[in-house]
Protein backbone atom coordinates (compact mmCIF):
# COMPACT_ATOMS: atom_id res chain seq x y z
CA MET A 1 -21.22 -0.08 6.63
CA ALA A 2 -19.39 2.14 9.22
CA ALA A 3 -16.28 1.71 11.27
CA GLU A 4 -15.83 3.03 15.09
CA PRO A 5 -12.82 2.16 17.05
CA ASN A 6 -14.13 -1.25 18.71
CA ALA A 7 -15.41 -2.30 15.37
CA LYS A 8 -12.23 -2.37 13.23
CA SER A 9 -11.43 -5.62 14.06
CA ARG A 10 -14.70 -7.03 13.17
CA ILE A 11 -14.85 -4.88 9.94
CA ARG A 12 -10.67 -6.27 9.45
CA LYS A 13 -11.80 -9.88 9.67
CA ALA A 14 -15.12 -9.81 7.34
CA LEU A 15 -13.42 -7.99 4.87
CA ARG A 16 -10.06 -9.85 4.81
CA GLU A 17 -12.30 -12.88 4.67
CA LYS A 18 -14.47 -12.06 1.66
CA ARG A 19 -10.85 -10.72 0.03
CA ARG A 20 -9.31 -14.33 0.57
CA SER A 21 -12.51 -15.71 -1.18
CA LEU A 22 -11.25 -14.36 -4.74
CA SER A 23 -9.02 -16.81 -7.16
CA PRO A 24 -5.68 -15.61 -8.09
CA GLN A 25 -6.97 -14.94 -11.50
CA ALA A 26 -9.71 -11.96 -10.09
CA CYS A 27 -6.90 -10.57 -8.10
CA LEU A 28 -4.70 -10.30 -11.23
CA PHE A 29 -7.89 -8.94 -13.26
CA ALA A 30 -8.43 -6.31 -10.69
CA GLY A 31 -4.20 -5.33 -11.13
CA HIS A 32 -5.17 -4.36 -14.72
CA GLY A 33 -8.17 -2.15 -13.77
CA VAL A 34 -6.19 -0.36 -10.88
CA TYR A 35 -3.61 0.51 -13.42
CA ASP A 36 -5.78 1.72 -16.01
CA ASN A 37 -7.45 4.14 -13.13
CA LEU A 38 -3.47 4.94 -11.97
CA LYS A 39 -2.86 6.13 -15.29
CA LYS A 40 -5.25 9.29 -14.53
CA TYR A 41 -3.10 10.45 -11.64
CA ALA A 42 -0.45 12.98 -12.89
CA PRO A 43 1.72 12.71 -9.77
CA LEU A 44 2.53 9.13 -10.96
CA PHE A 45 4.21 10.20 -14.05
CA ARG A 46 6.17 12.76 -12.46
CA ALA A 47 7.76 10.20 -9.74
CA GLU A 48 10.82 8.48 -9.98
CA LYS A 49 10.86 6.43 -6.99
CA ILE A 50 7.38 3.97 -6.28
CA ALA A 51 6.93 1.54 -3.79
CA CYS A 52 4.40 -1.29 -4.48
CA TYR A 53 3.64 -4.32 -3.01
CA LEU A 54 3.32 -8.19 -3.52
CA ALA A 55 -0.16 -9.42 -3.29
CA ASN A 56 -0.94 -11.57 -0.11
CA ASP A 57 -3.98 -12.83 1.58
CA GLY A 58 -6.18 -11.78 -1.40
CA GLU A 59 -4.75 -8.31 -1.85
CA ILE A 60 -5.06 -6.93 -5.51
CA SER A 61 -2.09 -7.74 -7.54
CA LEU A 62 -0.17 -5.17 -8.33
CA LEU A 63 2.16 -6.95 -11.17
CA PRO A 64 0.32 -5.26 -14.06
CA VAL A 65 1.50 -2.00 -12.57
CA ILE A 66 4.87 -2.96 -11.52
CA GLU A 67 5.55 -4.38 -14.96
CA ALA A 68 4.23 -0.76 -16.71
CA LEU A 69 6.87 1.10 -14.15
CA TRP A 70 9.54 -1.01 -15.23
CA GLN A 71 9.07 -0.35 -18.76
CA ARG A 72 8.86 3.62 -18.09
CA ASN A 73 11.95 3.25 -16.15
CA LYS A 74 10.75 4.12 -13.01
CA THR A 75 12.51 2.59 -9.68
CA VAL A 76 9.86 0.28 -7.87
CA CYS A 77 10.46 -0.34 -4.39
CA LEU A 78 9.30 -3.01 -2.16
CA PRO A 79 8.52 -3.05 1.81
CA VAL A 80 11.32 -4.78 3.38
CA LEU A 81 10.70 -5.32 7.39
CA PHE A 82 13.23 -5.75 10.09
CA GLY A 83 13.61 -5.03 13.68
CA SER A 84 12.42 -7.10 16.39
CA PHE A 85 8.77 -7.04 18.61
CA GLY A 86 8.49 -3.56 19.91
CA ASN A 87 10.85 -1.92 17.40
CA ARG A 88 9.49 -3.08 14.27
CA GLN A 89 10.33 -1.43 11.13
CA MET A 90 9.75 -0.98 7.23
CA HIS A 91 12.06 0.32 4.77
CA PHE A 92 12.08 -0.24 1.01
CA ALA A 93 14.14 -1.91 -1.42
CA PRO A 94 14.64 -1.81 -5.24
CA TYR A 95 13.09 -4.38 -6.94
CA PHE A 96 14.08 -5.89 -10.09
CA PRO A 97 12.84 -8.56 -12.29
CA ASP A 98 16.17 -10.88 -11.34
CA ALA A 99 15.92 -9.71 -7.74
CA ASP A 100 17.01 -12.04 -4.83
CA MET A 101 13.94 -12.55 -2.89
CA GLN A 102 13.65 -14.31 0.53
CA MET A 103 10.61 -14.82 2.88
CA ASN A 104 9.84 -12.73 6.00
CA LYS A 105 7.76 -13.66 9.21
CA TYR A 106 4.99 -13.18 7.43
CA ALA A 107 5.29 -15.49 4.87
CA ILE A 108 5.76 -12.70 2.23
CA VAL A 109 8.34 -12.39 -0.49
CA GLU A 110 10.78 -9.31 -0.10
CA PRO A 111 14.11 -8.27 -1.60
CA ALA A 112 16.99 -9.70 -0.21
CA ILE A 113 18.92 -6.96 0.57
CA GLY A 114 21.54 -5.67 2.85
CA MET A 115 21.18 -2.59 5.18
CA GLN A 116 23.35 -0.23 2.70
CA GLN A 117 20.66 -0.89 -0.32
CA ARG A 118 17.86 0.06 1.90
CA ILE A 119 15.63 3.00 0.90
CA LYS A 120 14.18 5.45 3.55
CA PRO A 121 10.28 5.95 3.38
CA SER A 122 11.10 9.65 3.13
CA ALA A 123 12.95 8.92 -0.22
CA LEU A 124 9.90 7.90 -1.72
CA ASP A 125 7.63 9.78 -4.53
CA ILE A 126 4.72 7.71 -3.96
CA VAL A 127 3.52 4.54 -2.08
CA LEU A 128 0.96 2.17 -3.33
CA MET A 129 -0.22 0.54 -0.43
CA PRO A 130 -2.53 -2.22 0.58
CA LEU A 131 -5.35 -2.21 2.60
CA VAL A 132 -8.15 -3.75 4.15
CA ALA A 133 -10.98 -0.87 4.37
CA PHE A 134 -11.24 2.46 3.15
CA ASP A 135 -13.28 5.74 3.50
CA LEU A 136 -14.06 8.57 1.35
CA GLN A 137 -12.45 11.04 3.88
CA GLY A 138 -9.16 9.17 3.54
CA ASN A 139 -9.23 7.06 6.55
CA ARG A 140 -7.87 3.26 6.16
CA ILE A 141 -7.89 -0.06 8.20
CA GLY A 142 -5.07 -1.75 7.82
CA MET A 143 -3.59 -5.21 8.33
CA GLY A 144 -3.26 -4.05 12.24
CA GLY A 145 0.80 -4.13 12.20
CA GLY A 146 1.01 -0.63 12.17
CA TYR A 147 4.34 -0.64 9.87
CA TYR A 148 3.01 1.73 7.22
CA ASP A 149 1.93 4.62 10.00
CA ARG A 150 5.16 4.22 11.91
CA SER A 151 7.32 4.34 8.59
CA PHE A 152 5.47 7.35 7.51
CA SER A 153 5.25 9.26 10.38
CA PHE A 154 6.83 12.15 9.38
CA LEU A 155 4.12 13.02 6.86
CA SER A 156 1.77 14.16 10.12
CA ARG A 157 3.99 17.35 9.47
CA ARG A 158 2.95 17.91 6.13
CA LYS A 159 4.36 21.74 5.94
CA HIS A 160 7.73 20.10 6.06
CA HIS A 161 7.00 16.60 4.14
CA LYS A 162 5.38 16.64 0.81
CA LYS A 163 6.23 13.24 -0.56
CA PRO A 164 5.78 10.59 -0.50
CA LYS A 165 1.92 10.51 -1.79
CA LEU A 166 0.16 7.61 -0.27
CA ILE A 167 -2.40 5.79 -2.41
CA GLY A 168 -4.49 3.25 -0.88
CA VAL A 169 -5.08 0.15 -3.29
CA ALA A 170 -8.48 -1.72 -2.89
CA TYR A 171 -11.54 -3.32 -4.25
CA ASP A 172 -14.66 -1.29 -4.54
CA PHE A 173 -16.09 -3.61 -1.99
CA GLN A 174 -13.61 -2.40 1.00
CA GLU A 175 -15.15 0.99 0.97
CA VAL A 176 -16.87 1.56 4.14
CA ASP A 177 -19.30 4.72 5.22
CA SER A 178 -16.83 6.00 7.71
CA ILE A 179 -13.54 5.16 9.84
CA ALA A 180 -12.80 6.57 13.06
CA SER A 181 -9.20 7.89 12.89
CA GLU A 182 -6.63 7.40 15.46
CA VAL A 183 -4.10 10.29 16.25
CA TRP A 184 -1.44 8.12 14.54
CA ASP A 185 -3.49 7.14 11.67
CA LEU A 186 -2.02 8.95 8.15
CA PRO A 187 -4.61 10.11 6.03
CA LEU A 188 -4.59 8.76 2.29
CA ASP A 189 -3.83 10.81 -0.54
CA ALA A 190 -6.04 9.24 -2.65
CA VAL A 191 -7.34 5.55 -3.35
CA VAL A 192 -7.20 3.46 -6.38
CA THR A 193 -9.95 0.39 -6.94
CA GLN A 194 -10.33 -1.81 -10.33
CA SER A 195 -13.18 0.53 -11.14
CA ARG A 196 -11.92 4.10 -10.04
CA LEU A 197 -9.58 6.68 -8.62
CA ILE A 198 -10.90 8.49 -5.86
CA GLN A 199 -8.43 11.45 -4.53
CA ILE A 200 -8.77 13.19 -1.53
CA SER A 201 -8.81 16.46 -1.06
């Protein structure tokens, strides 16, 4: 399955439908597989601030990963959306078991925090990011909002910015042959699925 620019919406629709057909139990089971494979990624254990997400729309559940990171005394962060249309932005917030949570405009739960508690994307060490499709060259198709691309656009200057590492989280069936990348698309450093870890050179 190849993804050209004018086919991205078709690919996004088909794979989101397949993802949404999975049961919550299947999403959680895949999350355990993801953690088993993440343990092979050495930078994970040197990292201090690790961004995760709370599953939505059939995404792989990262709850097994989050609980393991808490046990290792890592700072787990979640995305927090803010700004109006035309100036949509994303920062991150520390996530703890007893954190106050709220619903954002996409009906996704996020930490309820003040401006002073936000963590800038550049302060993270690793970002585990959901995606809709990926290829083995590190290209991805996201949900279409552009939040991750805008938030981590500074990584296009890799000579100056070595972190965070961007790791896509996906089911095996979300792999496609190729994805045509745009100038604003950020390549992934790795992809982790329920069955393997793919490190992008």
